[in-house]
């Protein structure tokens, strides 16, 4: 019986390691997930920028902004391990845009708000593009 016990421990450990390593995402899977999230974020940014027109309603702009926030959170989550420095640059640009949105006076027209937000959106798009380039999406 002792011979069986001697093999049982290492065999169980080996099986556990095999299970754990087969479930962990590979670096390529991480990059693929980060690229998909970065693509969704880029599309949301483009939609937000395109919404910043004099004919847009406040509701349309808010919906587009909410989509940017949602895709941003996912993109940061997916890219943090594979492109941290570029993800940090996007975080900074995202924070700048959020501050610019908050700084728009309540009595500003939609046209005035759009003009002030467009530049920050373009800078954020550039940071997101740099992230996608580093990931080789």
N, C-alpha and C. Protein backbone atom coordinates (compact mmCIF):
# COMPACT_ATOMS: atom_id res chain seq x y z
N UNK A 1 0.80 -1.19 0.00
CA UNK A 1 0.00 0.00 0.00
C UNK A 1 0.85 1.26 0.00
N UNK A 2 2.00 1.21 0.60
CA UNK A 2 2.82 2.41 0.65
C UNK A 2 3.28 2.85 -0.74
N UNK A 3 3.48 1.93 -1.62
CA UNK A 3 3.90 2.26 -2.98
C UNK A 3 2.82 3.09 -3.66
N UNK A 4 1.60 2.78 -3.42
CA UNK A 4 0.50 3.53 -4.02
C UNK A 4 0.41 4.94 -3.44
N UNK A 5 0.64 5.04 -2.15
CA UNK A 5 0.61 6.35 -1.51
C UNK A 5 1.73 7.25 -2.01
N UNK A 6 2.87 6.68 -2.26
CA UNK A 6 4.01 7.46 -2.72
C UNK A 6 3.73 8.10 -4.08
N UNK A 7 2.96 7.42 -4.89
CA UNK A 7 2.62 7.97 -6.21
C UNK A 7 1.39 8.87 -6.17
N UNK A 8 0.54 8.68 -5.20
CA UNK A 8 -0.72 9.42 -5.16
C UNK A 8 -0.50 10.91 -4.97
N UNK A 9 0.39 11.29 -4.08
CA UNK A 9 0.65 12.71 -3.81
C UNK A 9 1.16 13.45 -5.03
N UNK A 10 2.28 13.00 -5.63
CA UNK A 10 2.79 13.67 -6.82
C UNK A 10 1.82 13.63 -7.99
N UNK A 11 1.08 12.53 -8.12
CA UNK A 11 0.13 12.42 -9.21
C UNK A 11 -1.00 13.44 -9.04
N UNK A 12 -1.50 13.56 -7.83
CA UNK A 12 -2.57 14.53 -7.56
C UNK A 12 -2.06 15.96 -7.78
N UNK A 13 -0.84 16.24 -7.34
CA UNK A 13 -0.25 17.56 -7.54
C UNK A 13 -0.08 17.87 -9.01
N UNK A 14 0.39 16.88 -9.76
CA UNK A 14 0.56 17.07 -11.21
C UNK A 14 -0.77 17.33 -11.90
N UNK A 15 -1.80 16.61 -11.49
CA UNK A 15 -3.14 16.81 -12.09
C UNK A 15 -3.65 18.20 -11.76
N UNK A 16 -3.44 18.65 -10.54
CA UNK A 16 -3.90 19.99 -10.15
C UNK A 16 -3.18 21.07 -10.94
N UNK A 17 -1.88 20.93 -11.11
CA UNK A 17 -1.10 21.90 -11.89
C UNK A 17 -1.58 21.92 -13.34
N UNK A 18 -1.83 20.75 -13.90
CA UNK A 18 -2.30 20.67 -15.28
C UNK A 18 -3.65 21.36 -15.43
N UNK A 19 -4.53 21.16 -14.46
CA UNK A 19 -5.83 21.81 -14.52
C UNK A 19 -5.71 23.32 -14.41
N UNK A 20 -4.88 23.78 -13.50
CA UNK A 20 -4.72 25.22 -13.32
C UNK A 20 -4.10 25.89 -14.54
N UNK A 21 -3.09 25.29 -15.11
CA UNK A 21 -2.43 25.91 -16.24
C UNK A 21 -3.28 25.85 -17.49
N UNK A 22 -4.14 24.85 -17.62
CA UNK A 22 -4.99 24.79 -18.81
C UNK A 22 -6.12 25.80 -18.74
N UNK A 23 -6.48 26.25 -17.54
CA UNK A 23 -7.56 27.22 -17.39
C UNK A 23 -7.07 28.66 -17.49
N UNK A 24 -5.81 28.89 -17.23
CA UNK A 24 -5.28 30.25 -17.26
C UNK A 24 -5.17 30.74 -18.70
N UNK A 25 -5.57 32.00 -18.95
CA UNK A 25 -5.45 32.51 -20.31
C UNK A 25 -3.99 32.64 -20.72
N UNK A 26 -3.73 32.33 -21.97
CA UNK A 26 -2.37 32.48 -22.49
C UNK A 26 -2.11 33.95 -22.77
N UNK A 27 -0.84 34.34 -22.90
CA UNK A 27 -0.56 35.74 -23.24
C UNK A 27 -1.28 36.18 -24.53
N UNK A 28 -1.36 35.27 -25.51
CA UNK A 28 -2.03 35.63 -26.77
C UNK A 28 -3.53 35.86 -26.55
N UNK A 29 -4.14 35.03 -25.67
CA UNK A 29 -5.55 35.23 -25.35
C UNK A 29 -5.76 36.57 -24.65
N UNK A 30 -4.83 36.92 -23.75
CA UNK A 30 -4.91 38.21 -23.07
C UNK A 30 -4.85 39.35 -24.08
N UNK A 31 -3.95 39.26 -25.04
CA UNK A 31 -3.82 40.31 -26.05
C UNK A 31 -5.07 40.37 -26.92
N UNK A 32 -5.60 39.21 -27.29
CA UNK A 32 -6.81 39.17 -28.10
C UNK A 32 -7.98 39.82 -27.37
N UNK A 33 -8.12 39.52 -26.08
CA UNK A 33 -9.20 40.12 -25.28
C UNK A 33 -8.98 41.62 -25.13
N UNK A 34 -7.74 42.03 -24.93
CA UNK A 34 -7.43 43.45 -24.81
C UNK A 34 -7.71 44.18 -26.12
N UNK A 35 -7.38 43.55 -27.23
CA UNK A 35 -7.64 44.16 -28.54
C UNK A 35 -9.14 44.31 -28.78
N UNK A 36 -9.91 43.28 -28.45
CA UNK A 36 -11.36 43.36 -28.64
C UNK A 36 -11.95 44.48 -27.79
N UNK A 37 -11.49 44.58 -26.56
CA UNK A 37 -11.97 45.65 -25.68
C UNK A 37 -11.53 47.02 -26.18
N UNK A 38 -10.29 47.12 -26.69
CA UNK A 38 -9.79 48.40 -27.22
C UNK A 38 -10.56 48.80 -28.47
N UNK A 39 -10.92 47.82 -29.30
CA UNK A 39 -11.71 48.11 -30.50
C UNK A 39 -13.10 48.65 -30.12
N UNK A 40 -13.73 48.03 -29.14
CA UNK A 40 -15.05 48.49 -28.68
C UNK A 40 -14.96 49.90 -28.11
N UNK A 41 -13.89 50.16 -27.38
CA UNK A 41 -13.68 51.49 -26.79
C UNK A 41 -13.45 52.53 -27.89
N UNK A 42 -12.65 52.20 -28.88
CA UNK A 42 -12.40 53.12 -30.00
C UNK A 42 -13.70 53.44 -30.73
N UNK A 43 -14.53 52.43 -30.93
CA UNK A 43 -15.82 52.65 -31.60
C UNK A 43 -16.72 53.56 -30.76
N UNK A 44 -16.72 53.36 -29.45
CA UNK A 44 -17.53 54.20 -28.57
C UNK A 44 -17.03 55.65 -28.57
N UNK A 45 -15.71 55.83 -28.59
CA UNK A 45 -15.15 57.19 -28.67
C UNK A 45 -15.53 57.88 -29.97
N UNK A 46 -15.44 57.15 -31.06
CA UNK A 46 -15.82 57.72 -32.36
C UNK A 46 -17.30 58.11 -32.35
N UNK A 47 -18.13 57.24 -31.81
CA UNK A 47 -19.56 57.54 -31.72
C UNK A 47 -19.80 58.78 -30.85
N UNK A 48 -19.08 58.88 -29.73
CA UNK A 48 -19.22 60.05 -28.85
C UNK A 48 -18.84 61.32 -29.60
N UNK A 49 -17.69 61.29 -30.26
CA UNK A 49 -17.23 62.48 -31.00
C UNK A 49 -18.23 62.83 -32.10
N UNK A 50 -18.74 61.84 -32.80
CA UNK A 50 -19.71 62.09 -33.87
C UNK A 50 -21.03 62.63 -33.33
N UNK A 51 -21.33 62.34 -32.07
CA UNK A 51 -22.56 62.83 -31.44
C UNK A 51 -22.45 64.31 -31.09
N UNK A 52 -21.24 64.81 -30.96
CA UNK A 52 -21.05 66.20 -30.55
C UNK A 52 -21.32 67.16 -31.71
N UNK A 53 -22.59 67.24 -32.07
CA UNK A 53 -23.02 68.14 -33.14
C UNK A 53 -24.08 69.08 -32.59
N UNK A 54 -24.28 70.22 -33.23
CA UNK A 54 -25.32 71.15 -32.76
C UNK A 54 -26.73 70.56 -32.78
N UNK A 55 -26.97 69.56 -33.61
CA UNK A 55 -28.32 68.98 -33.68
C UNK A 55 -28.54 67.84 -32.69
N UNK A 56 -27.51 67.43 -31.98
CA UNK A 56 -27.66 66.31 -31.03
C UNK A 56 -28.45 66.75 -29.81
N UNK A 57 -29.15 65.80 -29.24
CA UNK A 57 -29.86 66.08 -27.99
C UNK A 57 -28.92 65.76 -26.82
N UNK A 58 -29.25 66.32 -25.67
CA UNK A 58 -28.46 66.04 -24.47
C UNK A 58 -28.52 64.54 -24.17
N UNK A 59 -29.67 63.93 -24.37
CA UNK A 59 -29.82 62.50 -24.13
C UNK A 59 -28.91 61.67 -25.03
N UNK A 60 -28.78 62.05 -26.30
CA UNK A 60 -27.89 61.33 -27.22
C UNK A 60 -26.44 61.43 -26.76
N UNK A 61 -26.04 62.60 -26.34
CA UNK A 61 -24.66 62.80 -25.87
C UNK A 61 -24.42 61.99 -24.60
N UNK A 62 -25.38 62.00 -23.68
CA UNK A 62 -25.23 61.24 -22.44
C UNK A 62 -25.17 59.75 -22.70
N UNK A 63 -25.98 59.25 -23.62
CA UNK A 63 -25.96 57.83 -23.96
C UNK A 63 -24.61 57.45 -24.56
N UNK A 64 -24.10 58.29 -25.45
CA UNK A 64 -22.78 58.04 -26.05
C UNK A 64 -21.69 58.08 -24.98
N UNK A 65 -21.79 59.02 -24.06
CA UNK A 65 -20.81 59.11 -22.96
C UNK A 65 -20.86 57.87 -22.09
N UNK A 66 -22.06 57.39 -21.79
CA UNK A 66 -22.20 56.19 -20.96
C UNK A 66 -21.56 54.98 -21.63
N UNK A 67 -21.68 54.90 -22.95
CA UNK A 67 -21.06 53.79 -23.69
C UNK A 67 -19.53 53.89 -23.64
N UNK A 68 -19.01 55.12 -23.69
CA UNK A 68 -17.56 55.32 -23.56
C UNK A 68 -17.11 54.81 -22.19
N UNK A 69 -17.83 55.17 -21.16
CA UNK A 69 -17.46 54.75 -19.81
C UNK A 69 -17.49 53.24 -19.67
N UNK A 70 -18.53 52.62 -20.18
CA UNK A 70 -18.67 51.16 -20.09
C UNK A 70 -17.53 50.45 -20.82
N UNK A 71 -17.25 50.86 -22.04
CA UNK A 71 -16.20 50.20 -22.81
C UNK A 71 -14.81 50.54 -22.27
N UNK A 72 -14.66 51.73 -21.70
CA UNK A 72 -13.39 52.12 -21.07
C UNK A 72 -13.06 51.17 -19.92
N UNK A 73 -14.03 50.93 -19.05
CA UNK A 73 -13.80 50.06 -17.90
C UNK A 73 -13.34 48.67 -18.34
N UNK A 74 -13.99 48.14 -19.36
CA UNK A 74 -13.63 46.81 -19.86
C UNK A 74 -12.24 46.83 -20.52
N UNK A 75 -11.96 47.87 -21.27
CA UNK A 75 -10.67 47.97 -21.95
C UNK A 75 -9.52 48.06 -20.93
N UNK A 76 -9.69 48.85 -19.90
CA UNK A 76 -8.64 48.97 -18.87
C UNK A 76 -8.45 47.62 -18.18
N UNK A 77 -9.53 46.95 -17.86
CA UNK A 77 -9.46 45.64 -17.21
C UNK A 77 -8.68 44.65 -18.08
N UNK A 78 -8.97 44.62 -19.36
CA UNK A 78 -8.36 43.65 -20.25
C UNK A 78 -6.91 44.00 -20.63
N UNK A 79 -6.57 45.27 -20.65
CA UNK A 79 -5.24 45.66 -21.14
C UNK A 79 -4.22 45.92 -20.04
N UNK A 80 -4.65 45.98 -18.82
CA UNK A 80 -3.75 46.34 -17.71
C UNK A 80 -2.55 45.41 -17.62
N UNK A 81 -2.75 44.12 -17.87
CA UNK A 81 -1.64 43.16 -17.74
C UNK A 81 -0.74 43.10 -18.97
N UNK A 82 -1.23 43.53 -20.11
CA UNK A 82 -0.45 43.36 -21.34
C UNK A 82 0.10 44.67 -21.90
N UNK A 83 -0.41 45.80 -21.43
CA UNK A 83 0.08 47.09 -21.94
C UNK A 83 -0.16 48.18 -20.90
N UNK A 84 0.38 47.97 -19.71
CA UNK A 84 0.10 48.85 -18.58
C UNK A 84 0.45 50.31 -18.85
N UNK A 85 1.60 50.59 -19.44
CA UNK A 85 1.99 51.98 -19.64
C UNK A 85 1.03 52.71 -20.58
N UNK A 86 0.62 52.04 -21.64
CA UNK A 86 -0.34 52.67 -22.57
C UNK A 86 -1.72 52.76 -21.92
N UNK A 87 -2.09 51.76 -21.13
CA UNK A 87 -3.38 51.81 -20.42
C UNK A 87 -3.40 52.99 -19.45
N UNK A 88 -2.27 53.24 -18.80
CA UNK A 88 -2.19 54.38 -17.89
C UNK A 88 -2.36 55.71 -18.63
N UNK A 89 -1.81 55.81 -19.83
CA UNK A 89 -1.97 57.02 -20.63
C UNK A 89 -3.44 57.22 -21.02
N UNK A 90 -4.11 56.13 -21.32
CA UNK A 90 -5.54 56.23 -21.65
C UNK A 90 -6.32 56.65 -20.40
N UNK A 91 -5.95 56.10 -19.24
CA UNK A 91 -6.62 56.49 -17.99
C UNK A 91 -6.52 58.00 -17.79
N UNK A 92 -5.34 58.56 -17.99
CA UNK A 92 -5.15 60.00 -17.81
C UNK A 92 -6.00 60.79 -18.79
N UNK A 93 -6.00 60.39 -20.04
CA UNK A 93 -6.80 61.09 -21.05
C UNK A 93 -8.29 60.95 -20.76
N UNK A 94 -8.71 59.79 -20.28
CA UNK A 94 -10.12 59.57 -19.92
C UNK A 94 -10.51 60.49 -18.76
N UNK A 95 -9.64 60.60 -17.77
CA UNK A 95 -9.91 61.47 -16.64
C UNK A 95 -10.00 62.93 -17.09
N UNK A 96 -9.15 63.33 -18.04
CA UNK A 96 -9.22 64.69 -18.57
C UNK A 96 -10.56 64.95 -19.26
N UNK A 97 -11.04 63.97 -20.03
CA UNK A 97 -12.33 64.13 -20.70
C UNK A 97 -13.45 64.20 -19.67
N UNK A 98 -13.41 63.34 -18.67
CA UNK A 98 -14.44 63.37 -17.63
C UNK A 98 -14.45 64.71 -16.92
N UNK A 99 -13.28 65.26 -16.64
CA UNK A 99 -13.20 66.58 -16.02
C UNK A 99 -13.76 67.66 -16.94
N UNK A 100 -13.46 67.55 -18.23
CA UNK A 100 -13.97 68.53 -19.20
C UNK A 100 -15.49 68.47 -19.27
N UNK A 101 -16.05 67.28 -19.20
CA UNK A 101 -17.51 67.14 -19.20
C UNK A 101 -18.10 67.81 -17.96
N UNK A 102 -17.50 67.56 -16.81
CA UNK A 102 -17.99 68.16 -15.57
C UNK A 102 -17.83 69.67 -15.56
N UNK A 103 -16.82 70.18 -16.26
CA UNK A 103 -16.55 71.62 -16.27
C UNK A 103 -17.42 72.41 -17.23
N UNK A 104 -18.19 71.73 -18.07
CA UNK A 104 -19.09 72.45 -18.97
C UNK A 104 -20.17 73.11 -18.13
N UNK A 105 -20.29 74.44 -18.24
CA UNK A 105 -21.30 75.14 -17.44
C UNK A 105 -22.72 74.66 -17.78
N UNK A 106 -23.58 74.65 -16.79
CA UNK A 106 -24.96 74.21 -16.99
C UNK A 106 -25.70 75.07 -18.01
N UNK A 107 -25.29 76.33 -18.14
CA UNK A 107 -25.99 77.22 -19.07
C UNK A 107 -25.36 77.24 -20.46
N UNK A 108 -24.38 76.39 -20.68
CA UNK A 108 -23.72 76.33 -21.99
C UNK A 108 -24.67 75.70 -23.01
N UNK A 109 -24.59 76.17 -24.23
CA UNK A 109 -25.37 75.55 -25.29
C UNK A 109 -24.69 74.23 -25.66
N UNK A 110 -25.42 73.39 -26.35
CA UNK A 110 -24.84 72.11 -26.78
C UNK A 110 -23.68 72.35 -27.73
N UNK A 111 -23.80 73.39 -28.55
CA UNK A 111 -22.71 73.72 -29.48
C UNK A 111 -21.45 74.11 -28.71
N UNK A 112 -21.60 74.93 -27.68
CA UNK A 112 -20.44 75.33 -26.88
C UNK A 112 -19.82 74.12 -26.17
N UNK A 113 -20.67 73.27 -25.63
CA UNK A 113 -20.18 72.07 -24.94
C UNK A 113 -19.46 71.16 -25.93
N UNK A 114 -20.03 70.99 -27.10
CA UNK A 114 -19.42 70.10 -28.10
C UNK A 114 -18.05 70.60 -28.51
N UNK A 115 -17.93 71.89 -28.72
CA UNK A 115 -16.64 72.45 -29.12
C UNK A 115 -15.58 72.25 -28.04
N UNK A 116 -15.96 72.39 -26.78
CA UNK A 116 -14.97 72.24 -25.71
C UNK A 116 -14.60 70.78 -25.48
N UNK A 117 -15.49 69.85 -25.78
CA UNK A 117 -15.22 68.43 -25.54
C UNK A 117 -14.52 67.74 -26.70
N UNK A 118 -14.65 68.31 -27.88
CA UNK A 118 -14.10 67.66 -29.07
C UNK A 118 -12.58 67.48 -28.97
N UNK A 119 -11.86 68.50 -28.52
CA UNK A 119 -10.39 68.40 -28.41
C UNK A 119 -9.96 67.32 -27.42
N UNK A 120 -10.64 67.26 -26.28
CA UNK A 120 -10.30 66.23 -25.30
C UNK A 120 -10.61 64.84 -25.84
N UNK A 121 -11.66 64.74 -26.62
CA UNK A 121 -12.01 63.45 -27.21
C UNK A 121 -10.95 63.02 -28.22
N UNK A 122 -10.46 63.95 -29.02
CA UNK A 122 -9.42 63.64 -30.00
C UNK A 122 -8.15 63.17 -29.28
N UNK A 123 -7.78 63.82 -28.19
CA UNK A 123 -6.60 63.39 -27.43
C UNK A 123 -6.79 62.00 -26.85
N UNK A 124 -7.99 61.72 -26.39
CA UNK A 124 -8.28 60.39 -25.85
C UNK A 124 -8.24 59.34 -26.95
N UNK A 125 -8.73 59.68 -28.12
CA UNK A 125 -8.65 58.75 -29.25
C UNK A 125 -7.19 58.44 -29.61
N UNK A 126 -6.33 59.44 -29.53
CA UNK A 126 -4.92 59.22 -29.83
C UNK A 126 -4.28 58.28 -28.80
N UNK A 127 -4.60 58.47 -27.54
CA UNK A 127 -4.07 57.58 -26.49
C UNK A 127 -4.57 56.16 -26.68
N UNK A 128 -5.83 56.01 -27.03
CA UNK A 128 -6.40 54.68 -27.27
C UNK A 128 -5.77 54.04 -28.50
N UNK A 129 -5.48 54.83 -29.52
CA UNK A 129 -4.82 54.33 -30.72
C UNK A 129 -3.41 53.84 -30.40
N UNK A 130 -2.69 54.57 -29.55
CA UNK A 130 -1.35 54.15 -29.12
C UNK A 130 -1.42 52.80 -28.39
N UNK A 131 -2.44 52.64 -27.56
CA UNK A 131 -2.62 51.37 -26.85
C UNK A 131 -2.86 50.24 -27.84
N UNK A 132 -3.73 50.46 -28.79
CA UNK A 132 -4.01 49.43 -29.80
C UNK A 132 -2.76 49.11 -30.62
N UNK A 133 -1.94 50.12 -30.90
CA UNK A 133 -0.69 49.88 -31.64
C UNK A 133 0.27 49.02 -30.84
N UNK A 134 0.39 49.31 -29.54
CA UNK A 134 1.29 48.52 -28.71
C UNK A 134 0.82 47.08 -28.62
N UNK A 135 -0.48 46.89 -28.58
CA UNK A 135 -1.03 45.53 -28.52
C UNK A 135 -0.94 44.81 -29.86
N UNK A 136 -0.65 45.59 -30.92
CA UNK A 136 -0.59 45.06 -32.29
C UNK A 136 -1.95 44.49 -32.72
N UNK A 137 -2.99 45.26 -32.41
CA UNK A 137 -4.37 44.85 -32.78
C UNK A 137 -4.56 44.98 -34.28
